[in-house]
Protein backbone atom coordinates (compact mmCIF):
# COMPACT_ATOMS: atom_id res chain seq x y z
CA MET A 1 -30.81 -2.91 69.51
CA GLY A 2 -27.49 -2.40 68.06
CA LEU A 3 -26.41 -0.11 65.33
CA VAL A 4 -26.34 -1.70 61.92
CA THR A 5 -23.43 -0.63 59.76
CA THR A 6 -23.33 -1.14 56.05
CA ALA A 7 -20.32 -1.14 53.80
CA PRO A 8 -19.89 2.01 51.71
CA ALA A 9 -21.06 1.76 48.12
CA VAL A 10 -18.18 0.80 45.85
CA ARG A 11 -18.22 2.15 42.32
CA GLN A 12 -17.31 -0.57 39.90
CA THR A 13 -15.53 0.26 36.68
CA PRO A 14 -17.36 -0.96 33.58
CA THR A 15 -15.89 -3.82 31.62
CA PRO A 16 -14.74 -3.07 28.04
CA GLY A 17 -18.01 -4.23 26.48
CA GLU A 18 -20.33 -2.21 28.73
CA ASP A 19 -21.75 1.25 28.04
CA SER A 20 -19.50 3.81 29.65
CA ALA A 21 -21.19 7.00 28.45
CA GLU A 22 -21.19 8.57 31.92
CA ARG A 23 -17.44 8.19 32.14
CA LYS A 24 -16.62 9.31 28.59
CA GLY A 25 -18.93 12.30 28.31
CA PHE A 26 -20.72 13.21 25.08
CA GLY A 27 -18.20 11.50 22.82
CA GLY A 28 -19.54 7.99 23.27
CA SER A 29 -17.07 5.16 23.55
CA GLY A 30 -14.25 7.12 21.95
CA GLN A 31 -13.24 4.23 19.71
CA ALA A 32 -14.47 5.78 16.45
CA ARG A 33 -11.79 8.48 16.36
CA ALA A 34 -9.03 6.75 18.29
CA GLY A 35 -5.67 7.51 16.74
CA ARG A 36 -6.93 10.04 14.19
CA ARG A 37 -6.49 13.77 14.38
CA LYS A 38 -9.44 16.09 14.11
CA GLY A 39 -10.65 16.53 10.54
CA ALA A 40 -8.54 13.67 9.15
CA ARG A 41 -10.19 11.39 6.64
CA LYS A 42 -10.38 7.70 7.23
CA ARG A 43 -8.14 5.80 4.80
CA SER A 44 -9.96 3.54 2.46
CA PRO A 45 -8.83 -0.09 2.51
CA ALA A 46 -9.44 -0.28 -1.23
CA LEU A 47 -6.65 0.19 -3.74
CA SER A 48 -6.35 3.43 -5.64
CA LYS A 49 -6.29 3.68 -9.43
CA ALA A 50 -2.52 4.17 -9.35
CA ASP A 51 -2.10 0.81 -7.60
CA TRP A 52 -3.56 -0.96 -10.63
CA GLY A 53 -1.20 0.73 -13.11
CA PRO A 54 2.05 -0.76 -14.47
CA LEU A 55 4.11 0.79 -11.66
CA GLY A 56 1.51 0.09 -8.94
CA LYS A 57 1.05 -2.66 -6.37
CA HIS A 58 -1.06 -4.93 -8.60
CA PRO A 59 0.13 -4.74 -12.22
CA ASP A 60 -1.63 -6.47 -15.08
CA LEU A 61 -0.19 -9.51 -16.86
CA ASP A 62 1.66 -7.52 -19.54
CA SER A 63 3.33 -5.41 -16.87
CA ILE A 64 4.36 -8.52 -14.93
CA VAL A 65 6.05 -9.90 -18.05
CA ALA A 66 7.76 -6.53 -18.58
CA ARG A 67 8.97 -6.59 -14.97
CA GLN A 68 10.40 -10.07 -15.51
CA ARG A 69 12.32 -8.94 -18.59
CA LEU A 70 13.90 -6.09 -16.64
CA GLU A 71 14.48 -8.31 -13.58
CA LEU A 72 12.30 -6.13 -11.34
CA PRO A 73 10.04 -7.29 -8.48
CA LEU A 74 6.80 -8.75 -9.84
CA ALA A 75 4.57 -6.97 -7.30
CA GLY A 76 4.82 -3.74 -5.35
CA ARG A 77 5.20 -0.13 -6.34
CA LEU A 78 8.01 0.98 -8.63
CA SER A 79 9.32 4.41 -9.48
CA SER A 80 10.29 5.51 -12.96
CA SER A 81 13.92 5.86 -11.84
CA GLU A 82 13.95 2.18 -10.77
CA VAL A 83 12.62 1.19 -14.19
CA ASN A 84 15.24 3.31 -15.98
CA ARG A 85 18.09 1.84 -13.90
CA ALA A 86 16.89 -1.70 -14.62
CA TRP A 87 16.55 -0.87 -18.33
CA LYS A 88 20.12 0.47 -18.47
CA ARG A 89 21.46 -2.71 -16.85
CA ALA A 90 19.50 -4.89 -19.30
CA ALA A 91 20.46 -2.72 -22.29
CA ALA A 92 24.15 -2.96 -21.39
CA GLU A 93 23.83 -6.74 -21.34
CA HIS A 94 21.62 -7.29 -24.39
CA HIS A 95 22.62 -4.48 -26.78
CA PRO A 96 23.51 -5.76 -30.30
CA ASP A 97 26.74 -3.73 -30.33
CA ARG A 98 27.89 -5.69 -27.28
CA GLY A 99 27.08 -9.12 -28.64
CA GLY A 100 23.39 -9.25 -27.71
CA SER A 101 20.44 -10.07 -29.90
CA HIS A 102 18.45 -7.43 -31.75
CA ASP A 103 15.16 -9.16 -30.84
CA THR A 104 16.06 -9.31 -27.14
CA MET A 105 16.94 -5.62 -27.14
CA GLN A 106 13.57 -4.80 -28.72
CA ARG A 107 11.84 -6.79 -25.96
CA VAL A 108 13.82 -4.93 -23.28
CA ASN A 109 12.88 -1.58 -24.84
CA GLY A 110 9.24 -2.69 -25.08
CA ALA A 111 9.27 -3.68 -21.41
CA ARG A 112 10.56 -0.25 -20.43
CA ASP A 113 7.94 1.45 -22.59
CA GLN A 114 5.17 -0.75 -21.11
CA LEU A 115 6.13 0.10 -17.53
CA LEU A 116 6.58 3.81 -18.16
CA GLY A 117 3.29 4.03 -20.10
CA ARG A 118 4.84 5.14 -23.37
CA GLN A 119 2.78 4.46 -26.48
CA GLU A 120 4.33 3.30 -29.73
CA GLU A 121 3.46 5.56 -32.62
């Protein structure tokens, strides 16, 4: 009788969907914390309260009209300095002392006040 030789056992690497706990250790698949540093909070996909304000990503209808009057982008975040610069451009164009209409200037001022959250008293 001859000697029977068998091929050495080959360790196969698991496919991406298989359980690979022996290779990863106690951490499991490692996908839960991939890309985050230790102790970092997961960002919420929801919008914050500031995003719904007049200067936020999703303004209400009155704020959209105010943005149109000041020729600002209709969506996206704005800073107060951007609003003030746009108001100065519109005021220079529509001021009654420079040939503009009093009513138009009041609308421009109201748009600025709406976006900056100023209340009329």
